[in-house]
Amino acid sequence: MTKKAESERVDIYTRITDRIVEDLEQGVRPWMKPWSAANTDGRITRPVRHSGLPYSGMNVLLLWSEQMSRGFSSSMWMTFKHALELGGSVRKGETGSTVVFASRFTKSVADENGNDVDREIPFLKAYSVFNIEQIDGLPDTYYAPPAKVRDPVERIESADRFFKATGAVIRHGGNQAYYSPVMDYIQMPPFEAFRDAAGYAAVLSHEATHWTAAEHRVGRDLSRYAKDRTDRAREELIAELGSCFLCADLGIAPELEPRPDHASYLQSWLSVLAYDKRAIFQAAAHAQRAVSFLHSLQPEADLRAAA
């Protein structure tokens, strides 16, 4: 990789991380914006491509932020090229939103003995997409009103089935929510302790993300969680993002009451992001793997619906 390419990749990490840090410094968790009161009457969903395929990982955070800050009601995005292929055109003066593509390529390099060996080199590429509200001339189906939002009771019942299908041991009692790695169970306060069913599901989705960390699931190391503040901050960031992704998938829009530990977590996340410009990307990737694993435990019919 050339020095210019490496510099551009580092700049992508820095630009995006700095944007998130700016929100955190104001006490705002940018990934929670889709759950603001102004949005609860609409359809909460992941951003989707022109093909209807949902975005994942870091791109969910990027496009949620863009959708909220720029006031788009649609969650569909496409490239300039795709708009042209569909017969549309991006309106003059419109600016795109950044998404990223991460992958690896194989490169032959010399080892310490002078022998050629193949090594996988990760790379990150940024490109622009446009919301369909910035594009004219697309087929009418792209401008169709969103599907009717399911009845709240139906959504909560669906969430209950989702968590039951994971097979996680979920206990109730006390006034704390946590996952015990040693005993491998999720502890939740009584259902009545929550503001509403959506709030209960949101907290449970946070703890279910922690639950996926076990070695026989996705295998995130929690051995230093209780001893190392940085490791704890990273894992809590993963669980936070996993909860948001899962709530969007389940169509749940909770109004969460501030937890006493959130102020300290905000500071710890700021410290982690200041030191490691790739931390938010890694957290989003881990959160995506965790949520994908939870979906993989669902009956086949539910998997098709989620897709």
C-alpha atoms as a PDB file:
ATOM      1  CA  MET A   1       0.000   0.000   0.000  1.00  0.00           C
ATOM      2  CA  THR A   2       1.379   3.442  -0.931  1.00  0.00           C
ATOM      3  CA  LYS A   3       1.971   6.123   1.687  1.00  0.00           C
ATOM      4  CA  LYS A   4      -0.769   8.201   0.055  1.00  0.00           C
ATOM      5  CA  ALA A   5      -3.286   5.351   0.284  1.00  0.00           C
ATOM      6  CA  GLU A   6      -2.321   4.673   3.900  1.00  0.00           C
ATOM      7  CA  SER A   7      -2.707   8.369   4.721  1.00  0.00           C
ATOM      8  CA  GLU A   8      -6.155   8.476   3.087  1.00  0.00           C
ATOM      9  CA  ARG A   9      -7.248   5.398   5.056  1.00  0.00           C
ATOM     10  CA  VAL A  10      -6.085   6.897   8.354  1.00  0.00           C
ATOM     11  CA  ASP A  11      -7.871  10.124   7.444  1.00  0.00           C
ATOM     12  CA  ILE A  12     -11.158   8.227   6.970  1.00  0.00           C
ATOM     13  CA  TYR A  13     -10.865   6.746  10.461  1.00  0.00           C
ATOM     14  CA  THR A  14      -9.974  10.145  11.916  1.00  0.00           C
ATOM     15  CA  ARG A  15     -12.700  12.140  10.164  1.00  0.00           C
ATOM     16  CA  ILE A  16     -15.470   9.762  11.157  1.00  0.00           C
ATOM     17  CA  THR A  17     -14.234   9.255  14.712  1.00  0.00           C
ATOM     18  CA  ASP A  18     -13.865  13.010  15.245  1.00  0.00           C
ATOM     19  CA  ARG A  19     -17.478  13.475  14.165  1.00  0.00           C
ATOM     20  CA  ILE A  20     -18.685  10.946  16.729  1.00  0.00           C
ATOM     21  CA  VAL A  21     -16.444  12.419  19.439  1.00  0.00           C
ATOM     22  CA  GLU A  22     -17.991  15.838  18.791  1.00  0.00           C
ATOM     23  CA  ASP A  23     -21.435  14.435  19.619  1.00  0.00           C
ATOM     24  CA  LEU A  24     -20.183  12.542  22.663  1.00  0.00           C
ATOM     25  CA  GLU A  25     -18.553  15.691  24.030  1.00  0.00           C
ATOM     26  CA  GLN A  26     -22.028  17.266  23.971  1.00  0.00           C
ATOM     27  CA  GLY A  27     -23.370  14.327  25.972  1.00  0.00           C
ATOM     28  CA  VAL A  28     -25.143  12.903  22.915  1.00  0.00           C
ATOM     29  CA  ARG A  29     -24.817   9.272  21.859  1.00  0.00           C
ATOM     30  CA  PRO A  30     -25.198   9.670  18.087  1.00  0.00           C
ATOM     31  CA  TRP A  31     -26.324   6.074  17.575  1.00  0.00           C
ATOM     32  CA  MET A  32     -29.361   6.786  19.763  1.00  0.00           C
ATOM     33  CA  LYS A  33     -30.672   9.593  17.545  1.00  0.00           C
ATOM     34  CA  PRO A  34     -33.132   7.364  15.673  1.00  0.00           C
ATOM     35  CA  TRP A  35     -34.863   6.725  18.998  1.00  0.00           C
ATOM     36  CA  SER A  36     -35.642  10.373  19.725  1.00  0.00           C
ATOM     37  CA  ALA A  37     -39.255  11.256  20.484  1.00  0.00           C
ATOM     38  CA  ALA A  38     -39.663  12.906  17.082  1.00  0.00           C
ATOM     39  CA  ASN A  39     -39.104   9.569  15.398  1.00  0.00           C
ATOM     40  CA  THR A  40     -41.259   7.210  17.391  1.00  0.00           C
ATOM     41  CA  ASP A  41     -44.307   7.705  15.172  1.00  0.00           C
ATOM     42  CA  GLY A  42     -42.370   6.634  12.082  1.00  0.00           C
ATOM     43  CA  ARG A  43     -40.785   3.417  10.990  1.00  0.00           C
ATOM     44  CA  ILE A  44     -37.461   2.747  12.743  1.00  0.00           C
ATOM     45  CA  THR A  45     -35.265   0.665  10.497  1.00  0.00           C
ATOM     46  CA  ARG A  46     -31.722   0.171   9.356  1.00  0.00           C
ATOM     47  CA  PRO A  47     -30.573   2.223   6.366  1.00  0.00           C
ATOM     48  CA  VAL A  48     -31.018   0.220   3.162  1.00  0.00           C
ATOM     49  CA  ARG A  49     -29.390   0.145  -0.283  1.00  0.00           C
ATOM     50  CA  HIS A  50     -31.324   0.697  -3.500  1.00  0.00           C
ATOM     51  CA  SER A  51     -31.746  -3.085  -3.690  1.00  0.00           C
ATOM     52  CA  GLY A  52     -33.424  -3.172  -0.278  1.00  0.00           C
ATOM     53  CA  LEU A  53     -30.418  -4.863   1.349  1.00  0.00           C
ATOM     54  CA  PRO A  54     -29.750  -3.336   4.787  1.00  0.00           C
ATOM     55  CA  TYR A  55     -26.443  -1.666   5.577  1.00  0.00           C
ATOM     56  CA  SER A  56     -24.481  -3.141   8.468  1.00  0.00           C
ATOM     57  CA  GLY A  57     -21.883  -2.207  11.060  1.00  0.00           C
ATOM     58  CA  MET A  58     -20.331   1.246  10.872  1.00  0.00           C
ATOM     59  CA  ASN A  59     -22.425   2.314   7.893  1.00  0.00           C
ATOM     60  CA  VAL A  60     -25.594   2.025   9.995  1.00  0.00           C
ATOM     61  CA  LEU A  61     -24.223   4.650  12.385  1.00  0.00           C
ATOM     62  CA  LEU A  62     -23.017   6.912   9.597  1.00  0.00           C
ATOM     63  CA  LEU A  63     -26.298   6.917   7.699  1.00  0.00           C
ATOM     64  CA  TRP A  64     -28.484   7.154  10.800  1.00  0.00           C
ATOM     65  CA  SER A  65     -26.537  10.289  11.711  1.00  0.00           C
ATOM     66  CA  GLU A  66     -26.915  11.724   8.221  1.00  0.00           C
ATOM     67  CA  GLN A  67     -30.617  10.919   8.059  1.00  0.00           C
ATOM     68  CA  MET A  68     -31.306  12.672  11.351  1.00  0.00           C
ATOM     69  CA  SER A  69     -29.072  15.711  10.867  1.00  0.00           C
ATOM     70  CA  ARG A  70     -30.335  16.349   7.323  1.00  0.00           C
ATOM     71  CA  GLY A  71     -33.980  15.611   7.986  1.00  0.00           C
ATOM     72  CA  PHE A  72     -34.526  12.761   5.527  1.00  0.00           C
ATOM     73  CA  SER A  73     -37.623  10.661   6.149  1.00  0.00           C
ATOM     74  CA  SER A  74     -36.470   7.887   3.810  1.00  0.00           C
ATOM     75  CA  SER A  75     -33.935   5.298   4.921  1.00  0.00           C
ATOM     76  CA  MET A  76     -32.940   4.304   1.347  1.00  0.00           C
ATOM     77  CA  TRP A  77     -29.598   5.337  -0.174  1.00  0.00           C
ATOM     78  CA  MET A  78     -27.800   4.772  -3.468  1.00  0.00           C
ATOM     79  CA  THR A  79     -24.681   5.850  -5.335  1.00  0.00           C
ATOM     80  CA  PHE A  80     -24.693   8.429  -8.129  1.00  0.00           C
ATOM     81  CA  LYS A  81     -24.095   5.598 -10.597  1.00  0.00           C
ATOM     82  CA  HIS A  82     -26.992   3.503  -9.331  1.00  0.00           C
ATOM     83  CA  ALA A  83     -29.305   6.519  -9.587  1.00  0.00           C
ATOM     84  CA  LEU A  84     -28.352   6.922 -13.261  1.00  0.00           C
ATOM     85  CA  GLU A  85     -28.818   3.209 -13.938  1.00  0.00           C
ATOM     86  CA  LEU A  86     -32.352   3.450 -12.529  1.00  0.00           C
ATOM     87  CA  GLY A  87     -33.177   6.444 -14.720  1.00  0.00           C
ATOM     88  CA  GLY A  88     -32.826   9.021 -11.958  1.00  0.00           C
ATOM     89  CA  SER A  89     -30.540  11.982 -11.421  1.00  0.00           C
ATOM     90  CA  VAL A  90     -29.118  13.556  -8.289  1.00  0.00           C
ATOM     91  CA  ARG A  91     -30.351  17.130  -8.043  1.00  0.00           C
ATOM     92  CA  LYS A  92     -27.789  19.834  -8.719  1.00  0.00           C
ATOM     93  CA  GLY A  93     -26.127  21.102  -5.562  1.00  0.00           C
ATOM     94  CA  GLU A  94     -26.893  18.018  -3.454  1.00  0.00           C
ATOM     95  CA  THR A  95     -24.010  16.601  -1.444  1.00  0.00           C
ATOM     96  CA  GLY A  96     -23.448  12.923  -0.750  1.00  0.00           C
ATOM     97  CA  SER A  97     -23.020  11.120   2.562  1.00  0.00           C
ATOM     98  CA  THR A  98     -19.989   9.024   3.400  1.00  0.00           C
ATOM     99  CA  VAL A  99     -20.117   5.254   3.777  1.00  0.00           C
ATOM    100  CA  VAL A 100     -17.166   2.888   4.001  1.00  0.00           C
ATOM    101  CA  PHE A 101     -16.181  -0.435   2.510  1.00  0.00           C
ATOM    102  CA  ALA A 102     -13.736  -2.634   4.421  1.00  0.00           C
ATOM    103  CA  SER A 103     -12.029  -5.663   2.936  1.00  0.00           C
ATOM    104  CA  ARG A 104      -8.647  -7.342   2.515  1.00  0.00           C
ATOM    105  CA  PHE A 105      -6.281  -8.084  -0.338  1.00  0.00           C
ATOM    106  CA  THR A 106      -3.447 -10.579  -0.550  1.00  0.00           C
ATOM    107  CA  LYS A 107       0.078  -9.264  -1.099  1.00  0.00           C
ATOM    108  CA  SER A 108       3.322 -11.179  -1.524  1.00  0.00           C
ATOM    109  CA  VAL A 109       6.007  -9.877   0.846  1.00  0.00           C
ATOM    110  CA  ALA A 110       9.419 -11.098   1.954  1.00  0.00           C
ATOM    111  CA  ASP A 111       9.731 -12.646   5.424  1.00  0.00           C
ATOM    112  CA  GLU A 112      12.771 -12.442   7.708  1.00  0.00           C
ATOM    113  CA  ASN A 113      14.463 -15.175   5.676  1.00  0.00           C
ATOM    114  CA  GLY A 114      13.907 -13.459   2.366  1.00  0.00           C
ATOM    115  CA  ASN A 115      11.193 -15.888   1.265  1.00  0.00           C
ATOM    116  CA  ASP A 116       8.027 -14.639  -0.394  1.00  0.00           C
ATOM    117  CA  VAL A 117       4.906 -15.158   1.713  1.00  0.00           C
ATOM    118  CA  ASP A 118       1.304 -14.114   1.109  1.00  0.00           C
ATOM    119  CA  ARG A 119      -0.171 -11.763   3.672  1.00  0.00           C
ATOM    120  CA  GLU A 120      -3.664 -10.369   3.932  1.00  0.00           C
ATOM    121  CA  ILE A 121      -3.657  -6.579   4.063  1.00  0.00           C
ATOM    122  CA  PRO A 122      -6.819  -4.846   5.358  1.00  0.00           C
ATOM    123  CA  PHE A 123      -8.040  -1.740   3.586  1.00  0.00           C
ATOM    124  CA  LEU A 124     -10.803   0.788   4.037  1.00  0.00           C
ATOM    125  CA  LYS A 125     -12.395   2.774   1.221  1.00  0.00           C
ATOM    126  CA  ALA A 126     -14.862   5.637   1.537  1.00  0.00           C
ATOM    127  CA  TYR A 127     -17.451   6.538  -1.066  1.00  0.00           C
ATOM    128  CA  SER A 128     -20.569   8.696  -1.294  1.00  0.00           C
ATOM    129  CA  VAL A 129     -24.229   7.754  -1.391  1.00  0.00           C
ATOM    130  CA  PHE A 130     -27.350   9.889  -1.754  1.00  0.00           C
ATOM    131  CA  ASN A 131     -30.700   9.600  -0.047  1.00  0.00           C
ATOM    132  CA  ILE A 132     -33.532   8.998  -2.500  1.00  0.00           C
ATOM    133  CA  GLU A 133     -35.008  12.323  -1.375  1.00  0.00           C
ATOM    134  CA  GLN A 134     -32.035  13.945  -3.145  1.00  0.00           C
ATOM    135  CA  ILE A 135     -32.793  12.166  -6.423  1.00  0.00           C
ATOM    136  CA  ASP A 136     -35.380  12.915  -9.099  1.00  0.00           C
ATOM    137  CA  GLY A 137     -36.724  10.604 -11.787  1.00  0.00           C
ATOM    138  CA  LEU A 138     -36.507   7.251 -10.034  1.00  0.00           C
ATOM    139  CA  PRO A 139     -39.253   4.677 -10.676  1.00  0.00           C
ATOM    140  CA  ASP A 140     -42.384   5.408  -8.630  1.00  0.00           C
ATOM    141  CA  THR A 141     -41.807   2.358  -6.427  1.00  0.00           C
ATOM    142  CA  TYR A 142     -38.821   4.086  -4.827  1.00  0.00           C
ATOM    143  CA  TYR A 143     -41.008   6.973  -3.703  1.00  0.00           C
ATOM    144  CA  ALA A 144     -43.804   4.774  -2.370  1.00  0.00           C
ATOM    145  CA  PRO A 145     -44.855   5.466   1.232  1.00  0.00           C
ATOM    146  CA  PRO A 146     -43.203   3.172   3.787  1.00  0.00           C
ATOM    147  CA  ALA A 147     -44.954   0.004   4.778  1.00  0.00           C
ATOM    148  CA  LYS A 148     -47.485   0.358   7.556  1.00  0.00           C
ATOM    149  CA  VAL A 149     -45.863   0.126  10.950  1.00  0.00           C
ATOM    150  CA  ARG A 150     -46.867  -2.996  12.818  1.00  0.00           C
ATOM    151  CA  ASP A 151     -49.051  -2.744  15.884  1.00  0.00           C
ATOM    152  CA  PRO A 152     -46.904  -2.060  19.006  1.00  0.00           C
ATOM    153  CA  VAL A 153     -48.272  -5.111  20.806  1.00  0.00           C
ATOM    154  CA  GLU A 154     -47.427  -7.281  17.801  1.00  0.00           C
ATOM    155  CA  ARG A 155     -43.875  -5.886  17.733  1.00  0.00           C
ATOM    156  CA  ILE A 156     -43.303  -6.606  21.421  1.00  0.00           C
ATOM    157  CA  GLU A 157     -44.679 -10.139  21.087  1.00  0.00           C
ATOM    158  CA  SER A 158     -42.301 -10.655  18.174  1.00  0.00           C
ATOM    159  CA  ALA A 159     -39.405  -9.415  20.326  1.00  0.00           C
ATOM    160  CA  ASP A 160     -40.392 -11.823  23.111  1.00  0.00           C
ATOM    161  CA  ARG A 161     -40.286 -14.706  20.640  1.00  0.00           C
ATOM    162  CA  PHE A 162     -36.933 -13.510  19.351  1.00  0.00           C
ATOM    163  CA  PHE A 163     -35.242 -13.541  22.758  1.00  0.00           C
ATOM    164  CA  LYS A 164     -36.848 -16.845  23.729  1.00  0.00           C
ATOM    165  CA  ALA A 165     -35.492 -18.453  20.548  1.00  0.00           C
ATOM    166  CA  THR A 166     -31.915 -17.532  21.480  1.00  0.00           C
ATOM    167  CA  GLY A 167     -32.007 -20.067  24.311  1.00  0.00           C
ATOM    168  CA  ALA A 168     -30.381 -17.606  26.720  1.00  0.00           C
ATOM    169  CA  VAL A 169     -31.117 -18.124  30.417  1.00  0.00           C
ATOM    170  CA  ILE A 170     -32.894 -14.929  31.501  1.00  0.00           C
ATOM    171  CA  ARG A 171     -33.553 -14.408  35.203  1.00  0.00           C
ATOM    172  CA  HIS A 172     -35.643 -11.657  36.768  1.00  0.00           C
ATOM    173  CA  GLY A 173     -35.281  -9.908  40.100  1.00  0.00           C
ATOM    174  CA  GLY A 174     -33.327  -7.182  41.849  1.00  0.00           C
ATOM    175  CA  ASN A 175     -32.625  -3.735  40.455  1.00  0.00           C
ATOM    176  CA  GLN A 176     -29.727  -4.399  38.052  1.00  0.00           C
ATOM    177  CA  ALA A 177     -29.409  -5.652  34.503  1.00  0.00           C
ATOM    178  CA  TYR A 178     -26.243  -7.577  33.668  1.00  0.00           C
ATOM    179  CA  TYR A 179     -24.783 -10.656  32.019  1.00  0.00           C
ATOM    180  CA  SER A 180     -22.794 -13.102  34.156  1.00  0.00           C
ATOM    181  CA  PRO A 181     -19.992 -14.643  32.041  1.00  0.00           C
ATOM    182  CA  VAL A 182     -19.129 -17.128  34.797  1.00  0.00           C
ATOM    183  CA  MET A 183     -22.664 -18.476  35.241  1.00  0.00           C
ATOM    184  CA  ASP A 184     -23.732 -17.674  31.670  1.00  0.00           C
ATOM    185  CA  TYR A 185     -27.078 -16.076  32.410  1.00  0.00           C
ATOM    186  CA  ILE A 186     -28.737 -12.688  31.889  1.00  0.00           C
ATOM    187  CA  GLN A 187     -30.158 -10.941  34.945  1.00  0.00           C
ATOM    188  CA  MET A 188     -32.995  -8.446  34.410  1.00  0.00           C
ATOM    189  CA  PRO A 189     -35.027  -6.361  36.865  1.00  0.00           C
ATOM    190  CA  PRO A 190     -38.736  -7.266  36.985  1.00  0.00           C
ATOM    191  CA  PHE A 191     -40.665  -6.288  33.876  1.00  0.00           C
ATOM    192  CA  GLU A 192     -42.758  -3.853  35.942  1.00  0.00           C
ATOM    193  CA  ALA A 193     -39.621  -1.855  36.795  1.00  0.00           C
ATOM    194  CA  PHE A 194     -39.350  -0.541  33.235  1.00  0.00           C
ATOM    195  CA  ARG A 195     -41.126   2.462  31.762  1.00  0.00           C
ATOM    196  CA  ASP A 196     -42.638   0.291  29.032  1.00  0.00           C
ATOM    197  CA  ALA A 197     -42.196  -2.940  27.105  1.00  0.00           C
ATOM    198  CA  ALA A 198     -39.956  -1.265  24.522  1.00  0.00           C
ATOM    199  CA  GLY A 199     -37.578  -0.094  27.243  1.00  0.00           C
ATOM    200  CA  TYR A 200     -37.438  -3.617  28.648  1.00  0.00           C
ATOM    201  CA  ALA A 201     -36.634  -5.041  25.197  1.00  0.00           C
ATOM    202  CA  ALA A 202     -33.907  -2.446  24.636  1.00  0.00           C
ATOM    203  CA  VAL A 203     -32.119  -3.299  27.888  1.00  0.00           C
ATOM    204  CA  LEU A 204     -32.517  -7.015  27.224  1.00  0.00           C
ATOM    205  CA  SER A 205     -31.020  -6.574  23.747  1.00  0.00           C
ATOM    206  CA  HIS A 206     -28.017  -4.840  25.373  1.00  0.00           C
ATOM    207  CA  GLU A 207     -27.470  -7.761  27.741  1.00  0.00           C
ATOM    208  CA  ALA A 208     -28.095 -10.284  24.950  1.00  0.00           C
ATOM    209  CA  THR A 209     -25.248  -8.655  23.011  1.00  0.00           C
ATOM    210  CA  HIS A 210     -22.979  -9.261  26.030  1.00  0.00           C
ATOM    211  CA  TRP A 211     -24.290 -12.860  26.133  1.00  0.00           C
ATOM    212  CA  THR A 212     -22.993 -13.519  22.615  1.00  0.00           C
ATOM    213  CA  ALA A 213     -19.417 -12.999  23.825  1.00  0.00           C
ATOM    214  CA  ALA A 214     -19.043 -16.555  25.179  1.00  0.00           C
ATOM    215  CA  GLU A 215     -16.376 -18.638  23.445  1.00  0.00           C
ATOM    216  CA  HIS A 216     -18.913 -21.086  21.990  1.00  0.00           C
ATOM    217  CA  ARG A 217     -20.902 -18.182  20.501  1.00  0.00           C
ATOM    218  CA  VAL A 218     -18.953 -15.357  18.812  1.00  0.00           C
ATOM    219  CA  GLY A 219     -15.966 -15.506  21.146  1.00  0.00           C
ATOM    220  CA  ARG A 220     -15.221 -12.000  22.483  1.00  0.00           C
ATOM    221  CA  ASP A 221     -12.803 -12.045  25.413  1.00  0.00           C
ATOM    222  CA  LEU A 222     -14.449 -10.687  28.573  1.00  0.00           C
ATOM    223  CA  SER A 223     -11.711 -11.888  30.946  1.00  0.00           C
ATOM    224  CA  ARG A 224     -10.501  -8.329  31.646  1.00  0.00           C
ATOM    225  CA  TYR A 225     -13.931  -6.698  31.729  1.00  0.00           C
ATOM    226  CA  ALA A 226     -13.986  -6.314  35.522  1.00  0.00           C
ATOM    227  CA  LYS A 227     -10.299  -5.375  35.825  1.00  0.00           C
ATOM    228  CA  ASP A 228      -9.572  -3.017  32.952  1.00  0.00           C
ATOM    229  CA  ARG A 229     -11.577   0.177  32.399  1.00  0.00           C
ATOM    230  CA  THR A 230     -10.611   0.355  28.732  1.00  0.00           C
ATOM    231  CA  ASP A 231     -11.691  -3.225  28.023  1.00  0.00           C
ATOM    232  CA  ARG A 232     -14.939  -2.570  29.881  1.00  0.00           C
ATOM    233  CA  ALA A 233     -15.548   0.619  27.882  1.00  0.00           C
ATOM    234  CA  ARG A 234     -14.982  -1.218  24.599  1.00  0.00           C
ATOM    235  CA  GLU A 235     -17.367  -4.038  25.521  1.00  0.00           C
ATOM    236  CA  GLU A 236     -20.054  -1.615  26.704  1.00  0.00           C
ATOM    237  CA  LEU A 237     -19.764   0.272  23.429  1.00  0.00           C
ATOM    238  CA  ILE A 238     -20.271  -3.005  21.543  1.00  0.00           C
ATOM    239  CA  ALA A 239     -23.358  -3.819  23.649  1.00  0.00           C
ATOM    240  CA  GLU A 240     -24.709  -0.304  23.181  1.00  0.00           C
ATOM    241  CA  LEU A 241     -24.418  -0.516  19.397  1.00  0.00           C
ATOM    242  CA  GLY A 242     -25.701  -4.093  19.336  1.00  0.00           C
ATOM    243  CA  SER A 243     -28.813  -2.993  21.224  1.00  0.00           C
ATOM    244  CA  CYS A 244     -29.469  -0.209  18.714  1.00  0.00           C
ATOM    245  CA  PHE A 245     -29.005  -2.507  15.717  1.00  0.00           C
ATOM    246  CA  LEU A 246     -31.264  -5.154  17.215  1.00  0.00           C
ATOM    247  CA  CYS A 247     -33.981  -2.692  18.235  1.00  0.00           C
ATOM    248  CA  ALA A 248     -34.042  -1.402  14.658  1.00  0.00           C
ATOM    249  CA  ASP A 249     -34.325  -4.959  13.346  1.00  0.00           C
ATOM    250  CA  LEU A 250     -37.201  -5.656  15.751  1.00  0.00           C
ATOM    251  CA  GLY A 251     -38.961  -2.381  14.937  1.00  0.00           C
ATOM    252  CA  ILE A 252     -38.723  -1.152  18.527  1.00  0.00           C
ATOM    253  CA  ALA A 253     -38.233   2.514  19.406  1.00  0.00           C
ATOM    254  CA  PRO A 254     -37.605   2.771  23.138  1.00  0.00           C
ATOM    255  CA  GLU A 255     -37.449   5.983  25.128  1.00  0.00           C
ATOM    256  CA  LEU A 256     -34.690   4.988  27.521  1.00  0.00           C
ATOM    257  CA  GLU A 257     -34.303   6.500  30.941  1.00  0.00           C
ATOM    258  CA  PRO A 258     -30.707   7.643  31.590  1.00  0.00           C
ATOM    259  CA  ARG A 259     -28.761   5.024  33.494  1.00  0.00           C
ATOM    260  CA  PRO A 260     -26.465   6.183  36.311  1.00  0.00           C
ATOM    261  CA  ASP A 261     -23.449   4.587  34.622  1.00  0.00           C
ATOM    262  CA  HIS A 262     -23.917   6.374  31.275  1.00  0.00           C
ATOM    263  CA  ALA A 263     -22.030   9.520  32.310  1.00  0.00           C
ATOM    264  CA  SER A 264     -18.953   7.482  33.223  1.00  0.00           C
ATOM    265  CA  TYR A 265     -19.285   5.425  30.044  1.00  0.00           C
ATOM    266  CA  LEU A 266     -19.384   8.574  27.941  1.00  0.00           C
ATOM    267  CA  GLN A 267     -16.079   9.677  29.445  1.00  0.00           C
ATOM    268  CA  SER A 268     -14.509   6.254  29.007  1.00  0.00           C
ATOM    269  CA  TRP A 269     -15.647   6.102  25.357  1.00  0.00           C
ATOM    270  CA  LEU A 270     -14.162   9.531  24.732  1.00  0.00           C
ATOM    271  CA  SER A 271     -10.855   8.331  26.172  1.00  0.00           C
ATOM    272  CA  VAL A 272     -10.864   5.192  24.026  1.00  0.00           C
ATOM    273  CA  LEU A 273     -11.768   7.065  20.831  1.00  0.00           C
ATOM    274  CA  ALA A 274      -9.149   9.755  21.465  1.00  0.00           C
ATOM    275  CA  TYR A 275      -6.466   7.071  21.761  1.00  0.00           C
ATOM    276  CA  ASP A 276      -7.696   4.684  19.052  1.00  0.00           C
ATOM    277  CA  LYS A 277      -9.284   6.115  15.902  1.00  0.00           C
ATOM    278  CA  ARG A 278     -10.368   2.638  14.811  1.00  0.00           C
ATOM    279  CA  ALA A 279     -12.192   1.736  18.033  1.00  0.00           C
ATOM    280  CA  ILE A 280     -15.667   2.779  16.871  1.00  0.00           C
ATOM    281  CA  PHE A 281     -15.228   0.798  13.634  1.00  0.00           C
ATOM    282  CA  GLN A 282     -14.147  -2.290  15.570  1.00  0.00           C
ATOM    283  CA  ALA A 283     -17.029  -1.894  18.039  1.00  0.00           C
ATOM    284  CA  ALA A 284     -19.558  -1.595  15.211  1.00  0.00           C
ATOM    285  CA  ALA A 285     -18.120  -4.704  13.526  1.00  0.00           C
ATOM    286  CA  HIS A 286     -18.295  -6.700  16.784  1.00  0.00           C
ATOM    287  CA  ALA A 287     -21.854  -5.472  17.384  1.00  0.00           C
ATOM    288  CA  GLN A 288     -22.849  -6.540  13.889  1.00  0.00           C
ATOM    289  CA  ARG A 289     -21.398 -10.017  14.425  1.00  0.00           C
ATOM    290  CA  ALA A 290     -23.233 -10.305  17.747  1.00  0.00           C
ATOM    291  CA  VAL A 291     -26.597  -9.314  16.261  1.00  0.00           C
ATOM    292  CA  SER A 292     -26.081 -11.564  13.237  1.00  0.00           C
ATOM    293  CA  PHE A 293     -25.428 -14.444  15.634  1.00  0.00           C
ATOM    294  CA  LEU A 294     -28.662 -13.718  17.535  1.00  0.00           C
ATOM    295  CA  HIS A 295     -30.541 -13.727  14.222  1.00  0.00           C
ATOM    296  CA  SER A 296     -28.927 -17.049  13.304  1.00  0.00           C
ATOM    297  CA  LEU A 297     -30.624 -18.638  16.328  1.00  0.00           C
ATOM    298  CA  GLN A 298     -34.092 -17.777  15.045  1.00  0.00           C
ATOM    299  CA  PRO A 299     -36.404 -20.155  13.185  1.00  0.00           C
ATOM    300  CA  GLU A 300     -35.884 -20.152   9.429  1.00  0.00           C
ATOM    301  CA  ALA A 301     -39.103 -18.190   8.788  1.00  0.00           C
ATOM    302  CA  ASP A 302     -37.954 -15.386  11.063  1.00  0.00           C
ATOM    303  CA  LEU A 303     -34.567 -15.336   9.347  1.00  0.00           C
ATOM    304  CA  ARG A 304     -36.239 -14.775   5.983  1.00  0.00           C
ATOM    305  CA  ALA A 305     -38.325 -11.960   7.465  1.00  0.00           C
ATOM    306  CA  ALA A 306     -35.226 -10.293   8.944  1.00  0.00           C
ATOM    307  CA  ALA A 307     -33.461 -10.506   5.587  1.00  0.00           C
END
